[in-house]
PDB file of N, CA and C in Angstrom:
ATOM      1  N   MET A   1       0.826  -1.186   0.000  1.00  0.00           N
ATOM      2  CA  MET A   1       0.000   0.000   0.000  1.00  0.00           C
ATOM      3  C   MET A   1       0.871   1.250   0.000  1.00  0.00           C
ATOM      4  N   SER A   2       1.459   1.558  -1.135  1.00  0.00           N
ATOM      5  CA  SER A   2       2.251   2.777  -1.236  1.00  0.00           C
ATOM      6  C   SER A   2       1.395   3.889  -1.816  1.00  0.00           C
ATOM      7  N   GLN A   3       1.383   5.007  -1.139  1.00  0.00           N
ATOM      8  CA  GLN A   3       0.585   6.131  -1.608  1.00  0.00           C
ATOM      9  C   GLN A   3       1.438   7.078  -2.434  1.00  0.00           C
ATOM     10  N   GLU A   4       0.830   7.648  -3.453  1.00  0.00           N
ATOM     11  CA  GLU A   4       1.514   8.565  -4.358  1.00  0.00           C
ATOM     12  C   GLU A   4       0.710   9.851  -4.465  1.00  0.00           C
ATOM     13  N   MET A   5       1.379  10.931  -4.844  1.00  0.00           N
ATOM     14  CA  MET A   5       0.710  12.196  -5.110  1.00  0.00           C
ATOM     15  C   MET A   5       0.287  12.217  -6.574  1.00  0.00           C
ATOM     16  N   LYS A   6      -0.982  12.459  -6.829  1.00  0.00           N
ATOM     17  CA  LYS A   6      -1.532  12.508  -8.184  1.00  0.00           C
ATOM     18  C   LYS A   6      -2.195  13.862  -8.410  1.00  0.00           C
ATOM     19  N   GLU A   7      -2.186  14.307  -9.654  1.00  0.00           N
ATOM     20  CA  GLU A   7      -2.798  15.583 -10.015  1.00  0.00           C
ATOM     21  C   GLU A   7      -4.324  15.468 -10.051  1.00  0.00           C
ATOM     22  N   ILE A   8      -5.005  16.548  -9.713  1.00  0.00           N
ATOM     23  CA  ILE A   8      -6.459  16.630  -9.852  1.00  0.00           C
ATOM     24  C   ILE A   8      -6.780  16.788 -11.337  1.00  0.00           C
ATOM     25  N   GLY A   9      -7.879  16.236 -11.780  1.00  0.00           N
ATOM     26  CA  GLY A   9      -8.303  16.386 -13.166  1.00  0.00           C
ATOM     27  C   GLY A   9      -8.056  15.156 -14.010  1.00  0.00           C
ATOM     28  N   ILE A  10      -7.345  14.179 -13.456  1.00  0.00           N
ATOM     29  CA  ILE A  10      -7.142  12.915 -14.157  1.00  0.00           C
ATOM     30  C   ILE A  10      -8.436  12.116 -14.020  1.00  0.00           C
ATOM     31  N   LYS A  11      -8.981  11.641 -15.110  1.00  0.00           N
ATOM     32  CA  LYS A  11     -10.274  10.958 -15.070  1.00  0.00           C
ATOM     33  C   LYS A  11     -10.132   9.509 -14.623  1.00  0.00           C
ATOM     34  N   HIS A  12      -9.846   9.346 -13.332  1.00  0.00           N
ATOM     35  CA  HIS A  12      -9.796   8.030 -12.703  1.00  0.00           C
ATOM     36  C   HIS A  12     -10.659   8.072 -11.456  1.00  0.00           C
ATOM     37  N   CYS A  13     -11.027   6.917 -10.953  1.00  0.00           N
ATOM     38  CA  CYS A  13     -11.913   6.831  -9.793  1.00  0.00           C
ATOM     39  C   CYS A  13     -11.360   7.573  -8.575  1.00  0.00           C
ATOM     40  N   PHE A  14     -10.050   7.528  -8.357  1.00  0.00           N
ATOM     41  CA  PHE A  14      -9.497   8.179  -7.169  1.00  0.00           C
ATOM     42  C   PHE A  14      -9.704   9.692  -7.176  1.00  0.00           C
ATOM     43  N   ALA A  15      -9.944  10.296  -8.334  1.00  0.00           N
ATOM     44  CA  ALA A  15     -10.158  11.740  -8.440  1.00  0.00           C
ATOM     45  C   ALA A  15     -11.639  12.107  -8.555  1.00  0.00           C
ATOM     46  N   CYS A  16     -12.522  11.130  -8.429  1.00  0.00           N
ATOM     47  CA  CYS A  16     -13.964  11.355  -8.557  1.00  0.00           C
ATOM     48  C   CYS A  16     -14.594  11.492  -7.172  1.00  0.00           C
ATOM     49  N   ILE A  17     -15.503  12.445  -7.030  1.00  0.00           N
ATOM     50  CA  ILE A  17     -16.166  12.671  -5.749  1.00  0.00           C
ATOM     51  C   ILE A  17     -17.088  11.506  -5.367  1.00  0.00           C
ATOM     52  N   GLN A  18     -17.485  10.681  -6.330  1.00  0.00           N
ATOM     53  CA  GLN A  18     -18.395   9.562  -6.093  1.00  0.00           C
ATOM     54  C   GLN A  18     -17.681   8.285  -5.643  1.00  0.00           C
ATOM     55  N   TRP A  19     -16.364   8.311  -5.513  1.00  0.00           N
ATOM     56  CA  TRP A  19     -15.581   7.138  -5.099  1.00  0.00           C
ATOM     57  C   TRP A  19     -15.286   7.254  -3.611  1.00  0.00           C
ATOM     58  N   THR A  20     -15.530   6.186  -2.835  1.00  0.00           N
ATOM     59  CA  THR A  20     -15.407   6.244  -1.376  1.00  0.00           C
ATOM     60  C   THR A  20     -14.099   5.685  -0.835  1.00  0.00           C
ATOM     61  N   GLY A  21     -13.125   5.446  -1.682  1.00  0.00           N
ATOM     62  CA  GLY A  21     -11.862   4.867  -1.234  1.00  0.00           C
ATOM     63  C   GLY A  21     -11.023   5.825  -0.395  1.00  0.00           C
ATOM     64  N   GLN A  22      -9.976   5.298   0.218  1.00  0.00           N
ATOM     65  CA  GLN A  22      -9.073   6.061   1.079  1.00  0.00           C
ATOM     66  C   GLN A  22      -8.189   6.980   0.243  1.00  0.00           C
ATOM     67  N   ARG A  23      -8.212   8.265   0.560  1.00  0.00           N
ATOM     68  CA  ARG A  23      -7.379   9.258  -0.127  1.00  0.00           C
ATOM     69  C   ARG A  23      -7.321  10.519   0.717  1.00  0.00           C
ATOM     70  N   THR A  24      -6.333  11.350   0.436  1.00  0.00           N
ATOM     71  CA  THR A  24      -6.207  12.644   1.087  1.00  0.00           C
ATOM     72  C   THR A  24      -6.153  13.703   0.002  1.00  0.00           C
ATOM     73  N   PHE A  25      -7.025  14.697   0.102  1.00  0.00           N
ATOM     74  CA  PHE A  25      -7.159  15.740  -0.910  1.00  0.00           C
ATOM     75  C   PHE A  25      -6.488  17.017  -0.413  1.00  0.00           C
ATOM     76  N   TYR A  26      -5.581  17.568  -1.209  1.00  0.00           N
ATOM     77  CA  TYR A  26      -4.895  18.822  -0.903  1.00  0.00           C
ATOM     78  C   TYR A  26      -5.337  19.883  -1.912  1.00  0.00           C
ATOM     79  N   PRO A  27      -6.396  20.660  -1.609  1.00  0.00           N
ATOM     80  CA  PRO A  27      -6.907  21.628  -2.584  1.00  0.00           C
ATOM     81  C   PRO A  27      -5.922  22.755  -2.891  1.00  0.00           C
ATOM     82  N   ASP A  28      -5.093  23.140  -1.926  1.00  0.00           N
ATOM     83  CA  ASP A  28      -4.124  24.215  -2.165  1.00  0.00           C
ATOM     84  C   ASP A  28      -3.034  23.787  -3.147  1.00  0.00           C
ATOM     85  N   LYS A  29      -2.647  22.520  -3.119  1.00  0.00           N
ATOM     86  CA  LYS A  29      -1.629  21.992  -4.040  1.00  0.00           C
ATOM     87  C   LYS A  29      -2.248  21.411  -5.307  1.00  0.00           C
ATOM     88  N   LYS A  30      -3.588  21.251  -5.300  1.00  0.00           N
ATOM     89  CA  LYS A  30      -4.323  20.617  -6.407  1.00  0.00           C
ATOM     90  C   LYS A  30      -3.812  19.199  -6.667  1.00  0.00           C
ATOM     91  N   GLN A  31      -3.625  18.452  -5.557  1.00  0.00           N
ATOM     92  CA  GLN A  31      -3.148  17.079  -5.638  1.00  0.00           C
ATOM     93  C   GLN A  31      -3.929  16.179  -4.689  1.00  0.00           C
ATOM     94  N   ILE A  32      -3.869  14.885  -4.971  1.00  0.00           N
ATOM     95  CA  ILE A  32      -4.507  13.861  -4.156  1.00  0.00           C
ATOM     96  C   ILE A  32      -3.447  12.837  -3.786  1.00  0.00           C
ATOM     97  N   LYS A  33      -3.365  12.491  -2.494  1.00  0.00           N
ATOM     98  CA  LYS A  33      -2.466  11.432  -2.046  1.00  0.00           C
ATOM     99  C   LYS A  33      -3.300  10.160  -1.956  1.00  0.00           C
ATOM    100  N   VAL A  34      -2.938   9.157  -2.774  1.00  0.00           N
ATOM    101  CA  VAL A  34      -3.782   7.969  -2.884  1.00  0.00           C
ATOM    102  C   VAL A  34      -2.950   6.761  -3.286  1.00  0.00           C
ATOM    103  N   ASP A  35      -3.407   5.580  -2.881  1.00  0.00           N
ATOM    104  CA  ASP A  35      -2.889   4.312  -3.397  1.00  0.00           C
ATOM    105  C   ASP A  35      -3.853   3.904  -4.506  1.00  0.00           C
ATOM    106  N   VAL A  36      -3.440   4.043  -5.761  1.00  0.00           N
ATOM    107  CA  VAL A  36      -4.346   3.805  -6.894  1.00  0.00           C
ATOM    108  C   VAL A  36      -4.823   2.360  -6.988  1.00  0.00           C
ATOM    109  N   GLY A  37      -4.165   1.439  -6.319  1.00  0.00           N
ATOM    110  CA  GLY A  37      -4.580   0.042  -6.331  1.00  0.00           C
ATOM    111  C   GLY A  37      -5.574  -0.301  -5.245  1.00  0.00           C
ATOM    112  N   SER A  38      -5.915   0.670  -4.382  1.00  0.00           N
ATOM    113  CA  SER A  38      -6.840   0.387  -3.290  1.00  0.00           C
ATOM    114  C   SER A  38      -8.282   0.339  -3.794  1.00  0.00           C
ATOM    115  N   ASP A  39      -9.112  -0.391  -3.070  1.00  0.00           N
ATOM    116  CA  ASP A  39     -10.517  -0.547  -3.436  1.00  0.00           C
ATOM    117  C   ASP A  39     -11.382   0.509  -2.765  1.00  0.00           C
ATOM    118  N   GLY A  40     -12.454   0.854  -3.434  1.00  0.00           N
ATOM    119  CA  GLY A  40     -13.458   1.767  -2.907  1.00  0.00           C
ATOM    120  C   GLY A  40     -14.773   1.471  -3.600  1.00  0.00           C
ATOM    121  N   THR A  41     -15.842   2.041  -3.104  1.00  0.00           N
ATOM    122  CA  THR A  41     -17.153   1.831  -3.704  1.00  0.00           C
ATOM    123  C   THR A  41     -17.532   3.042  -4.540  1.00  0.00           C
ATOM    124  N   CYS A  42     -18.000   2.784  -5.743  1.00  0.00           N
ATOM    125  CA  CYS A  42     -18.512   3.843  -6.610  1.00  0.00           C
ATOM    126  C   CYS A  42     -19.973   4.076  -6.224  1.00  0.00           C
ATOM    127  N   LEU A  43     -20.315   5.312  -5.872  1.00  0.00           N
ATOM    128  CA  LEU A  43     -21.683   5.613  -5.464  1.00  0.00           C
ATOM    129  C   LEU A  43     -22.645   5.722  -6.645  1.00  0.00           C
ATOM    130  N   MET A  44     -22.123   5.737  -7.862  1.00  0.00           N
ATOM    131  CA  MET A  44     -22.978   5.774  -9.054  1.00  0.00           C
ATOM    132  C   MET A  44     -23.367   4.363  -9.495  1.00  0.00           C
ATOM    133  N   THR A  45     -22.393   3.451  -9.517  1.00  0.00           N
ATOM    134  CA  THR A  45     -22.653   2.082  -9.982  1.00  0.00           C
ATOM    135  C   THR A  45     -22.896   1.104  -8.835  1.00  0.00           C
ATOM    136  N   HIS A  46     -22.584   1.517  -7.599  1.00  0.00           N
ATOM    137  CA  HIS A  46     -22.731   0.681  -6.403  1.00  0.00           C
ATOM    138  C   HIS A  46     -21.885  -0.585  -6.491  1.00  0.00           C
ATOM    139  N   ARG A  47     -20.706  -0.456  -7.072  1.00  0.00           N
ATOM    140  CA  ARG A  47     -19.771  -1.578  -7.194  1.00  0.00           C
ATOM    141  C   ARG A  47     -18.435  -1.195  -6.581  1.00  0.00           C
ATOM    142  N   THR A  48     -17.681  -2.200  -6.175  1.00  0.00           N
ATOM    143  CA  THR A  48     -16.332  -1.979  -5.675  1.00  0.00           C
ATOM    144  C   THR A  48     -15.392  -1.840  -6.864  1.00  0.00           C
ATOM    145  N   THR A  49     -14.621  -0.752  -6.871  1.00  0.00           N
ATOM    146  CA  THR A  49     -13.675  -0.499  -7.954  1.00  0.00           C
ATOM    147  C   THR A  49     -12.338  -0.062  -7.382  1.00  0.00           C
ATOM    148  N   LYS A  50     -11.298  -0.254  -8.146  1.00  0.00           N
ATOM    149  CA  LYS A  50      -9.971   0.222  -7.757  1.00  0.00           C
ATOM    150  C   LYS A  50      -9.867   1.707  -8.097  1.00  0.00           C
ATOM    151  N   GLY A  51      -8.975   2.400  -7.428  1.00  0.00           N
ATOM    152  CA  GLY A  51      -8.773   3.822  -7.681  1.00  0.00           C
ATOM    153  C   GLY A  51      -8.291   4.118  -9.077  1.00  0.00           C
ATOM    154  N   SER A  52      -7.646   3.148  -9.707  1.00  0.00           N
ATOM    155  CA  SER A  52      -7.135   3.344 -11.063  1.00  0.00           C
ATOM    156  C   SER A  52      -8.209   3.162 -12.129  1.00  0.00           C
ATOM    157  N   GLY A  53      -9.410   2.745 -11.729  1.00  0.00           N
ATOM    158  CA  GLY A  53     -10.493   2.541 -12.690  1.00  0.00           C
ATOM    159  C   GLY A  53     -11.027   3.856 -13.233  1.00  0.00           C
ATOM    160  N   HIS A  54     -11.890   3.763 -14.228  1.00  0.00           N
ATOM    161  CA  HIS A  54     -12.526   4.951 -14.791  1.00  0.00           C
ATOM    162  C   HIS A  54     -13.860   4.570 -15.429  1.00  0.00           C
ATOM    163  N   CYS A  55     -14.728   5.574 -15.615  1.00  0.00           N
ATOM    164  CA  CYS A  55     -16.011   5.358 -16.278  1.00  0.00           C
ATOM    165  C   CYS A  55     -16.457   6.664 -16.926  1.00  0.00           C
ATOM    166  N   ASP A  56     -17.621   6.638 -17.568  1.00  0.00           N
ATOM    167  CA  ASP A  56     -18.136   7.826 -18.250  1.00  0.00           C
ATOM    168  C   ASP A  56     -18.705   8.860 -17.280  1.00  0.00           C
ATOM    169  N   GLN A  57     -19.100   8.417 -16.093  1.00  0.00           N
ATOM    170  CA  GLN A  57     -19.689   9.325 -15.107  1.00  0.00           C
ATOM    171  C   GLN A  57     -18.600   9.781 -14.146  1.00  0.00           C
ATOM    172  N   TYR A  58     -17.991  10.912 -14.452  1.00  0.00           N
ATOM    173  CA  TYR A  58     -16.860  11.425 -13.674  1.00  0.00           C
ATOM    174  C   TYR A  58     -17.218  12.785 -13.085  1.00  0.00           C
ATOM    175  N   PHE A  59     -17.099  12.909 -11.763  1.00  0.00           N
ATOM    176  CA  PHE A  59     -17.374  14.154 -11.060  1.00  0.00           C
ATOM    177  C   PHE A  59     -16.113  14.533 -10.277  1.00  0.00           C
ATOM    178  N   PRO A  60     -15.316  15.480 -10.790  1.00  0.00           N
ATOM    179  CA  PRO A  60     -14.014  15.782 -10.185  1.00  0.00           C
ATOM    180  C   PRO A  60     -14.115  16.400  -8.793  1.00  0.00           C
ATOM    181  N   LEU A  61     -13.120  16.112  -7.965  1.00  0.00           N
ATOM    182  CA  LEU A  61     -12.989  16.785  -6.677  1.00  0.00           C
ATOM    183  C   LEU A  61     -12.676  18.251  -6.940  1.00  0.00           C
ATOM    184  N   ARG A  62     -13.154  19.120  -6.077  1.00  0.00           N
ATOM    185  CA  ARG A  62     -12.882  20.556  -6.248  1.00  0.00           C
ATOM    186  C   ARG A  62     -12.261  21.137  -5.020  1.00  0.00           C
TER     187      ARG A  62
END
């Protein structure tokens, strides 16, 4: 479980507000600290997905 800093605006589950996985959001740096391989639940599809996943319904963190 290694966490990395990722940019906001990348269309992956870890950057979507509808994903419930473990992450830390830094709005001042416009970055997210996340383990992209970790699991979380998508509140749109109600399925467990990895942070590296993506779909057509993307709602970015702000």
